[in-house]
Amino acid sequence: ILVALAQELAPKSSGLASSLPLGFSWGVGSLALYPVGWIADQIGLTGALAGLAWLPLVSAIPAFFLPNRPAKLDEDKTATEAMT
């Protein structure tokens, strides 16, 4: 979904729009290994993984504030109707 949104925002440079979010997510995932490993050493692997299980819920909160936009099919349909 993220790649499709990036390509929609930058249609003339879709290759760059595809690579930036994927590269960023791989980089963040690689850097997150160090603090998660440290936490696992401190409290145990089960506790560290249980803490990671809450991250999708935390990231869902800002997702509710994303703007709603009409479907692309509706935009194309109204553009076609306006031309006729």
PDB file of N, CA and C in Angstrom:
ATOM      1  N   ILE A   1       0.829  -1.180   0.000  1.00  0.00           N
ATOM      2  CA  ILE A   1       0.000   0.000   0.000  1.00  0.00           C
ATOM      3  C   ILE A   1       0.878   1.249   0.000  1.00  0.00           C
ATOM      4  N   LEU A   2       1.949   1.221   0.767  1.00  0.00           N
ATOM      5  CA  LEU A   2       2.823   2.389   0.854  1.00  0.00           C
ATOM      6  C   LEU A   2       3.470   2.701  -0.489  1.00  0.00           C
ATOM      7  N   VAL A   3       3.894   1.671  -1.207  1.00  0.00           N
ATOM      8  CA  VAL A   3       4.522   1.884  -2.513  1.00  0.00           C
ATOM      9  C   VAL A   3       3.503   2.445  -3.500  1.00  0.00           C
ATOM     10  N   ALA A   4       2.297   1.935  -3.473  1.00  0.00           N
ATOM     11  CA  ALA A   4       1.259   2.439  -4.380  1.00  0.00           C
ATOM     12  C   ALA A   4       0.933   3.897  -4.090  1.00  0.00           C
ATOM     13  N   LEU A   5       0.875   4.266  -2.817  1.00  0.00           N
ATOM     14  CA  LEU A   5       0.625   5.661  -2.473  1.00  0.00           C
ATOM     15  C   LEU A   5       1.772   6.553  -2.915  1.00  0.00           C
ATOM     16  N   ALA A   6       3.002   6.088  -2.746  1.00  0.00           N
ATOM     17  CA  ALA A   6       4.159   6.879  -3.161  1.00  0.00           C
ATOM     18  C   ALA A   6       4.176   7.056  -4.671  1.00  0.00           C
ATOM     19  N   GLN A   7       3.845   6.015  -5.410  1.00  0.00           N
ATOM     20  CA  GLN A   7       3.810   6.122  -6.868  1.00  0.00           C
ATOM     21  C   GLN A   7       2.695   7.049  -7.326  1.00  0.00           C
ATOM     22  N   GLU A   8       1.611   7.081  -6.592  1.00  0.00           N
ATOM     23  CA  GLU A   8       0.515   7.982  -6.939  1.00  0.00           C
ATOM     24  C   GLU A   8       0.905   9.439  -6.686  1.00  0.00           C
ATOM     25  N   LEU A   9       1.711   9.669  -5.642  1.00  0.00           N
ATOM     26  CA  LEU A   9       2.142  11.032  -5.341  1.00  0.00           C
ATOM     27  C   LEU A   9       3.192  11.537  -6.320  1.00  0.00           C
ATOM     28  N   ALA A  10       4.006  10.632  -6.863  1.00  0.00           N
ATOM     29  CA  ALA A  10       5.059  11.027  -7.804  1.00  0.00           C
ATOM     30  C   ALA A  10       4.988  10.150  -9.042  1.00  0.00           C
ATOM     31  N   PRO A  11       4.004  10.347  -9.911  1.00  0.00           N
ATOM     32  CA  PRO A  11       3.831   9.449 -11.056  1.00  0.00           C
ATOM     33  C   PRO A  11       4.953   9.535 -12.087  1.00  0.00           C
ATOM     34  N   LYS A  12       5.646  10.669 -12.179  1.00  0.00           N
ATOM     35  CA  LYS A  12       6.706  10.796 -13.178  1.00  0.00           C
ATOM     36  C   LYS A  12       7.994  10.108 -12.756  1.00  0.00           C
ATOM     37  N   SER A  13       8.165   9.866 -11.468  1.00  0.00           N
ATOM     38  CA  SER A  13       9.363   9.166 -10.991  1.00  0.00           C
ATOM     39  C   SER A  13       8.936   8.023 -10.075  1.00  0.00           C
ATOM     40  N   SER A  14       8.213   7.074 -10.656  1.00  0.00           N
ATOM     41  CA  SER A  14       7.664   5.983  -9.854  1.00  0.00           C
ATOM     42  C   SER A  14       8.742   5.049  -9.329  1.00  0.00           C
ATOM     43  N   GLY A  15       9.872   4.938 -10.037  1.00  0.00           N
ATOM     44  CA  GLY A  15      10.962   4.096  -9.534  1.00  0.00           C
ATOM     45  C   GLY A  15      11.531   4.635  -8.237  1.00  0.00           C
ATOM     46  N   LEU A  16      11.777   5.922  -8.195  1.00  0.00           N
ATOM     47  CA  LEU A  16      12.269   6.554  -6.975  1.00  0.00           C
ATOM     48  C   LEU A  16      11.213   6.496  -5.885  1.00  0.00           C
ATOM     49  N   ALA A  17       9.961   6.719  -6.267  1.00  0.00           N
ATOM     50  CA  ALA A  17       8.874   6.676  -5.294  1.00  0.00           C
ATOM     51  C   ALA A  17       8.708   5.279  -4.706  1.00  0.00           C
ATOM     52  N   SER A  18       9.045   4.247  -5.458  1.00  0.00           N
ATOM     53  CA  SER A  18       8.959   2.879  -4.944  1.00  0.00           C
ATOM     54  C   SER A  18      10.124   2.561  -4.022  1.00  0.00           C
ATOM     55  N   SER A  19      11.312   3.015  -4.393  1.00  0.00           N
ATOM     56  CA  SER A  19      12.504   2.619  -3.645  1.00  0.00           C
ATOM     57  C   SER A  19      12.650   3.355  -2.320  1.00  0.00           C
ATOM     58  N   LEU A  20      12.203   4.593  -2.240  1.00  0.00           N
ATOM     59  CA  LEU A  20      12.377   5.342  -0.998  1.00  0.00           C
ATOM     60  C   LEU A  20      11.633   4.734   0.191  1.00  0.00           C
ATOM     61  N   PRO A  21      10.328   4.444   0.099  1.00  0.00           N
ATOM     62  CA  PRO A  21       9.673   3.864   1.273  1.00  0.00           C
ATOM     63  C   PRO A  21      10.182   2.466   1.606  1.00  0.00           C
ATOM     64  N   LEU A  22      10.515   1.679   0.589  1.00  0.00           N
ATOM     65  CA  LEU A  22      11.030   0.337   0.874  1.00  0.00           C
ATOM     66  C   LEU A  22      12.402   0.406   1.528  1.00  0.00           C
ATOM     67  N   GLY A  23      13.278   1.257   1.012  1.00  0.00           N
ATOM     68  CA  GLY A  23      14.598   1.404   1.608  1.00  0.00           C
ATOM     69  C   GLY A  23      14.536   1.960   3.014  1.00  0.00           C
ATOM     70  N   PHE A  24      13.642   2.912   3.233  1.00  0.00           N
ATOM     71  CA  PHE A  24      13.491   3.481   4.566  1.00  0.00           C
ATOM     72  C   PHE A  24      13.009   2.426   5.557  1.00  0.00           C
ATOM     73  N   SER A  25      12.039   1.617   5.159  1.00  0.00           N
ATOM     74  CA  SER A  25      11.519   0.601   6.084  1.00  0.00           C
ATOM     75  C   SER A  25      12.555  -0.484   6.364  1.00  0.00           C
ATOM     76  N   TRP A  26      13.357  -0.864   5.355  1.00  0.00           N
ATOM     77  CA  TRP A  26      14.432  -1.829   5.601  1.00  0.00           C
ATOM     78  C   TRP A  26      15.477  -1.231   6.540  1.00  0.00           C
ATOM     79  N   GLY A  27      15.806   0.032   6.348  1.00  0.00           N
ATOM     80  CA  GLY A  27      16.790   0.686   7.209  1.00  0.00           C
ATOM     81  C   GLY A  27      16.319   0.794   8.645  1.00  0.00           C
ATOM     82  N   VAL A  28      15.077   1.192   8.841  1.00  0.00           N
ATOM     83  CA  VAL A  28      14.533   1.299  10.194  1.00  0.00           C
ATOM     84  C   VAL A  28      14.467  -0.078  10.847  1.00  0.00           C
ATOM     85  N   GLY A  29      14.072  -1.079  10.081  1.00  0.00           N
ATOM     86  CA  GLY A  29      14.028  -2.438  10.623  1.00  0.00           C
ATOM     87  C   GLY A  29      15.399  -2.940  11.032  1.00  0.00           C
ATOM     88  N   SER A  30      16.416  -2.610  10.244  1.00  0.00           N
ATOM     89  CA  SER A  30      17.780  -3.029  10.578  1.00  0.00           C
ATOM     90  C   SER A  30      18.292  -2.308  11.814  1.00  0.00           C
ATOM     91  N   LEU A  31      17.997  -1.026  11.922  1.00  0.00           N
ATOM     92  CA  LEU A  31      18.450  -0.271  13.090  1.00  0.00           C
ATOM     93  C   LEU A  31      17.680  -0.639  14.353  1.00  0.00           C
ATOM     94  N   ALA A  32      16.452  -1.112  14.207  1.00  0.00           N
ATOM     95  CA  ALA A  32      15.649  -1.486  15.369  1.00  0.00           C
ATOM     96  C   ALA A  32      16.141  -2.776  16.014  1.00  0.00           C
ATOM     97  N   LEU A  33      16.948  -3.545  15.301  1.00  0.00           N
ATOM     98  CA  LEU A  33      17.455  -4.790  15.882  1.00  0.00           C
ATOM     99  C   LEU A  33      18.308  -4.543  17.120  1.00  0.00           C
ATOM    100  N   TYR A  34      19.074  -3.465  17.122  1.00  0.00           N
ATOM    101  CA  TYR A  34      19.974  -3.206  18.244  1.00  0.00           C
ATOM    102  C   TYR A  34      19.232  -2.897  19.537  1.00  0.00           C
ATOM    103  N   PRO A  35      18.283  -1.957  19.560  1.00  0.00           N
ATOM    104  CA  PRO A  35      17.580  -1.736  20.827  1.00  0.00           C
ATOM    105  C   PRO A  35      16.711  -2.918  21.251  1.00  0.00           C
ATOM    106  N   VAL A  36      16.119  -3.609  20.289  1.00  0.00           N
ATOM    107  CA  VAL A  36      15.297  -4.770  20.652  1.00  0.00           C
ATOM    108  C   VAL A  36      16.181  -5.875  21.225  1.00  0.00           C
ATOM    109  N   GLY A  37      17.361  -6.058  20.653  1.00  0.00           N
ATOM    110  CA  GLY A  37      18.298  -7.039  21.204  1.00  0.00           C
ATOM    111  C   GLY A  37      18.745  -6.678  22.601  1.00  0.00           C
ATOM    112  N   TRP A  38      18.989  -5.388  22.833  1.00  0.00           N
ATOM    113  CA  TRP A  38      19.395  -4.951  24.169  1.00  0.00           C
ATOM    114  C   TRP A  38      18.270  -5.189  25.173  1.00  0.00           C
ATOM    115  N   ILE A  39      17.031  -4.859  24.779  1.00  0.00           N
ATOM    116  CA  ILE A  39      15.882  -5.094  25.660  1.00  0.00           C
ATOM    117  C   ILE A  39      15.722  -6.583  25.930  1.00  0.00           C
ATOM    118  N   ALA A  40      15.927  -7.412  24.913  1.00  0.00           N
ATOM    119  CA  ALA A  40      15.825  -8.864  25.096  1.00  0.00           C
ATOM    120  C   ALA A  40      16.894  -9.359  26.058  1.00  0.00           C
ATOM    121  N   ASP A  41      18.088  -8.772  26.024  1.00  0.00           N
ATOM    122  CA  ASP A  41      19.131  -9.151  26.979  1.00  0.00           C
ATOM    123  C   ASP A  41      18.769  -8.731  28.395  1.00  0.00           C
ATOM    124  N   GLN A  42      18.060  -7.619  28.537  1.00  0.00           N
ATOM    125  CA  GLN A  42      17.728  -7.107  29.866  1.00  0.00           C
ATOM    126  C   GLN A  42      16.540  -7.827  30.491  1.00  0.00           C
ATOM    127  N   ILE A  43      15.460  -8.016  29.732  1.00  0.00           N
ATOM    128  CA  ILE A  43      14.237  -8.572  30.324  1.00  0.00           C
ATOM    129  C   ILE A  43      13.859  -9.934  29.760  1.00  0.00           C
ATOM    130  N   GLY A  44      14.553 -10.396  28.750  1.00  0.00           N
ATOM    131  CA  GLY A  44      14.246 -11.686  28.151  1.00  0.00           C
ATOM    132  C   GLY A  44      13.585 -11.528  26.792  1.00  0.00           C
ATOM    133  N   LEU A  45      13.729 -12.553  25.985  1.00  0.00           N
ATOM    134  CA  LEU A  45      13.205 -12.514  24.624  1.00  0.00           C
ATOM    135  C   LEU A  45      11.683 -12.426  24.601  1.00  0.00           C
ATOM    136  N   THR A  46      11.023 -13.139  25.504  1.00  0.00           N
ATOM    137  CA  THR A  46       9.561 -13.118  25.532  1.00  0.00           C
ATOM    138  C   THR A  46       9.035 -11.719  25.835  1.00  0.00           C
ATOM    139  N   GLY A  47       9.648 -11.047  26.788  1.00  0.00           N
ATOM    140  CA  GLY A  47       9.222  -9.689  27.128  1.00  0.00           C
ATOM    141  C   GLY A  47       9.467  -8.710  25.994  1.00  0.00           C
ATOM    142  N   ALA A  48      10.609  -8.854  25.315  1.00  0.00           N
ATOM    143  CA  ALA A  48      10.915  -7.957  24.198  1.00  0.00           C
ATOM    144  C   ALA A  48       9.930  -8.162  23.053  1.00  0.00           C
ATOM    145  N   LEU A  49       9.618  -9.405  22.738  1.00  0.00           N
ATOM    146  CA  LEU A  49       8.664  -9.674  21.661  1.00  0.00           C
ATOM    147  C   LEU A  49       7.247  -9.268  22.050  1.00  0.00           C
ATOM    148  N   ALA A  50       6.913  -9.390  23.341  1.00  0.00           N
ATOM    149  CA  ALA A  50       5.598  -8.929  23.796  1.00  0.00           C
ATOM    150  C   ALA A  50       5.490  -7.418  23.658  1.00  0.00           C
ATOM    151  N   GLY A  51       6.582  -6.711  23.913  1.00  0.00           N
ATOM    152  CA  GLY A  51       6.575  -5.264  23.714  1.00  0.00           C
ATOM    153  C   GLY A  51       6.420  -4.898  22.254  1.00  0.00           C
ATOM    154  N   LEU A  52       7.041  -5.667  21.366  1.00  0.00           N
ATOM    155  CA  LEU A  52       6.908  -5.404  19.931  1.00  0.00           C
ATOM    156  C   LEU A  52       5.489  -5.673  19.431  1.00  0.00           C
ATOM    157  N   ALA A  53       4.767  -6.537  20.121  1.00  0.00           N
ATOM    158  CA  ALA A  53       3.404  -6.859  19.695  1.00  0.00           C
ATOM    159  C   ALA A  53       2.473  -5.659  19.825  1.00  0.00           C
ATOM    160  N   TRP A  54       2.830  -4.688  20.654  1.00  0.00           N
ATOM    161  CA  TRP A  54       2.004  -3.495  20.836  1.00  0.00           C
ATOM    162  C   TRP A  54       2.240  -2.443  19.756  1.00  0.00           C
ATOM    163  N   LEU A  55       3.313  -2.544  19.001  1.00  0.00           N
ATOM    164  CA  LEU A  55       3.631  -1.525  18.002  1.00  0.00           C
ATOM    165  C   LEU A  55       2.554  -1.345  16.928  1.00  0.00           C
ATOM    166  N   PRO A  56       1.919  -2.404  16.423  1.00  0.00           N
ATOM    167  CA  PRO A  56       0.844  -2.165  15.444  1.00  0.00           C
ATOM    168  C   PRO A  56      -0.318  -1.363  16.020  1.00  0.00           C
ATOM    169  N   LEU A  57      -0.629  -1.579  17.288  1.00  0.00           N
ATOM    170  CA  LEU A  57      -1.710  -0.804  17.898  1.00  0.00           C
ATOM    171  C   LEU A  57      -1.319   0.659  18.056  1.00  0.00           C
ATOM    172  N   VAL A  58      -0.064   0.898  18.428  1.00  0.00           N
ATOM    173  CA  VAL A  58       0.412   2.274  18.575  1.00  0.00           C
ATOM    174  C   VAL A  58       0.438   2.970  17.217  1.00  0.00           C
ATOM    175  N   SER A  59       0.839   2.257  16.176  1.00  0.00           N
ATOM    176  CA  SER A  59       0.895   2.876  14.848  1.00  0.00           C
ATOM    177  C   SER A  59      -0.492   3.035  14.230  1.00  0.00           C
ATOM    178  N   ALA A  60      -1.485   2.351  14.746  1.00  0.00           N
ATOM    179  CA  ALA A  60      -2.845   2.500  14.228  1.00  0.00           C
ATOM    180  C   ALA A  60      -3.460   3.827  14.651  1.00  0.00           C
ATOM    181  N   ILE A  61      -2.990   4.391  15.758  1.00  0.00           N
ATOM    182  CA  ILE A  61      -3.556   5.656  16.242  1.00  0.00           C
ATOM    183  C   ILE A  61      -3.367   6.776  15.218  1.00  0.00           C
ATOM    184  N   PRO A  62      -2.139   7.017  14.706  1.00  0.00           N
ATOM    185  CA  PRO A  62      -2.025   8.077  13.695  1.00  0.00           C
ATOM    186  C   PRO A  62      -2.724   7.727  12.380  1.00  0.00           C
ATOM    187  N   ALA A  63      -2.933   6.444  12.123  1.00  0.00           N
ATOM    188  CA  ALA A  63      -3.603   6.050  10.881  1.00  0.00           C
ATOM    189  C   ALA A  63      -5.053   6.537  10.850  1.00  0.00           C
ATOM    190  N   PHE A  64      -5.657   6.693  12.008  1.00  0.00           N
ATOM    191  CA  PHE A  64      -7.031   7.192  12.051  1.00  0.00           C
ATOM    192  C   PHE A  64      -7.118   8.663  11.647  1.00  0.00           C
ATOM    193  N   PHE A  65      -6.000   9.370  11.705  1.00  0.00           N
ATOM    194  CA  PHE A  65      -5.995  10.788  11.361  1.00  0.00           C
ATOM    195  C   PHE A  65      -5.607  11.044   9.909  1.00  0.00           C
ATOM    196  N   LEU A  66      -5.382   9.990   9.135  1.00  0.00           N
ATOM    197  CA  LEU A  66      -5.084  10.173   7.719  1.00  0.00           C
ATOM    198  C   LEU A  66      -6.326  10.691   7.007  1.00  0.00           C
ATOM    199  N   PRO A  67      -6.150  11.576   6.049  1.00  0.00           N
ATOM    200  CA  PRO A  67      -7.332  12.126   5.371  1.00  0.00           C
ATOM    201  C   PRO A  67      -7.997  11.087   4.481  1.00  0.00           C
ATOM    202  N   ASN A  68      -9.300  11.163   4.418  1.00  0.00           N
ATOM    203  CA  ASN A  68     -10.052  10.301   3.502  1.00  0.00           C
ATOM    204  C   ASN A  68     -10.035  10.948   2.130  1.00  0.00           C
ATOM    205  N   ARG A  69      -9.936  10.136   1.110  1.00  0.00           N
ATOM    206  CA  ARG A  69      -9.994  10.667  -0.242  1.00  0.00           C
ATOM    207  C   ARG A  69     -10.893   9.774  -1.066  1.00  0.00           C
ATOM    208  N   PRO A  70     -11.542  10.336  -2.040  1.00  0.00           N
ATOM    209  CA  PRO A  70     -12.439   9.522  -2.862  1.00  0.00           C
ATOM    210  C   PRO A  70     -11.657   8.503  -3.680  1.00  0.00           C
ATOM    211  N   ALA A  71     -12.338   7.464  -4.054  1.00  0.00           N
ATOM    212  CA  ALA A  71     -11.704   6.420  -4.856  1.00  0.00           C
ATOM    213  C   ALA A  71     -11.312   6.974  -6.211  1.00  0.00           C
ATOM    214  N   LYS A  72     -10.249   6.429  -6.779  1.00  0.00           N
ATOM    215  CA  LYS A  72      -9.762   6.915  -8.067  1.00  0.00           C
ATOM    216  C   LYS A  72     -10.793   6.666  -9.167  1.00  0.00           C
ATOM    217  N   LEU A  73     -11.535   5.593  -9.063  1.00  0.00           N
ATOM    218  CA  LEU A  73     -12.566   5.294 -10.052  1.00  0.00           C
ATOM    219  C   LEU A  73     -13.602   6.412 -10.092  1.00  0.00           C
ATOM    220  N   ASP A  74     -13.979   6.927  -8.924  1.00  0.00           N
ATOM    221  CA  ASP A  74     -14.950   8.013  -8.879  1.00  0.00           C
ATOM    222  C   ASP A  74     -14.389   9.277  -9.522  1.00  0.00           C
ATOM    223  N   GLU A  75     -13.089   9.562  -9.310  1.00  0.00           N
ATOM    224  CA  GLU A  75     -12.475  10.740  -9.911  1.00  0.00           C
ATOM    225  C   GLU A  75     -12.474  10.625 -11.431  1.00  0.00           C
ATOM    226  N   ASP A  76     -12.120   9.444 -11.947  1.00  0.00           N
ATOM    227  CA  ASP A  76     -12.107   9.242 -13.392  1.00  0.00           C
ATOM    228  C   ASP A  76     -13.514   9.365 -13.970  1.00  0.00           C
ATOM    229  N   LYS A  77     -14.486   8.847 -13.242  1.00  0.00           N
ATOM    230  CA  LYS A  77     -15.862   8.892 -13.722  1.00  0.00           C
ATOM    231  C   LYS A  77     -16.359  10.334 -13.792  1.00  0.00           C
ATOM    232  N   THR A  78     -16.078  11.132 -12.765  1.00  0.00           N
ATOM    233  CA  THR A  78     -16.539  12.517 -12.782  1.00  0.00           C
ATOM    234  C   THR A  78     -15.800  13.326 -13.838  1.00  0.00           C
ATOM    235  N   ALA A  79     -14.537  13.019 -14.089  1.00  0.00           N
ATOM    236  CA  ALA A  79     -13.798  13.722 -15.138  1.00  0.00           C
ATOM    237  C   ALA A  79     -14.380  13.393 -16.508  1.00  0.00           C
ATOM    238  N   THR A  80     -14.764  12.140 -16.705  1.00  0.00           N
ATOM    239  CA  THR A  80     -15.364  11.737 -17.977  1.00  0.00           C
ATOM    240  C   THR A  80     -16.730  12.393 -18.148  1.00  0.00           C
ATOM    241  N   GLU A  81     -17.505  12.453 -17.081  1.00  0.00           N
ATOM    242  CA  GLU A  81     -18.822  13.080 -17.157  1.00  0.00           C
ATOM    243  C   GLU A  81     -18.702  14.575 -17.426  1.00  0.00           C
ATOM    244  N   ALA A  82     -17.674  15.224 -16.882  1.00  0.00           N
ATOM    245  CA  ALA A  82     -17.498  16.660 -17.089  1.00  0.00           C
ATOM    246  C   ALA A  82     -17.130  16.965 -18.535  1.00  0.00           C
ATOM    247  N   MET A  83     -16.469  16.025 -19.205  1.00  0.00           N
ATOM    248  CA  MET A  83     -16.052  16.241 -20.587  1.00  0.00           C
ATOM    249  C   MET A  83     -17.215  16.075 -21.563  1.00  0.00           C
ATOM    250  N   THR A  84     -18.243  15.304 -21.170  1.00  0.00           N
ATOM    251  CA  THR A  84     -19.364  15.059 -22.084  1.00  0.00           C
ATOM    252  C   THR A  84     -20.497  16.023 -21.848  1.00  0.00           C
TER     253      THR A  84
END
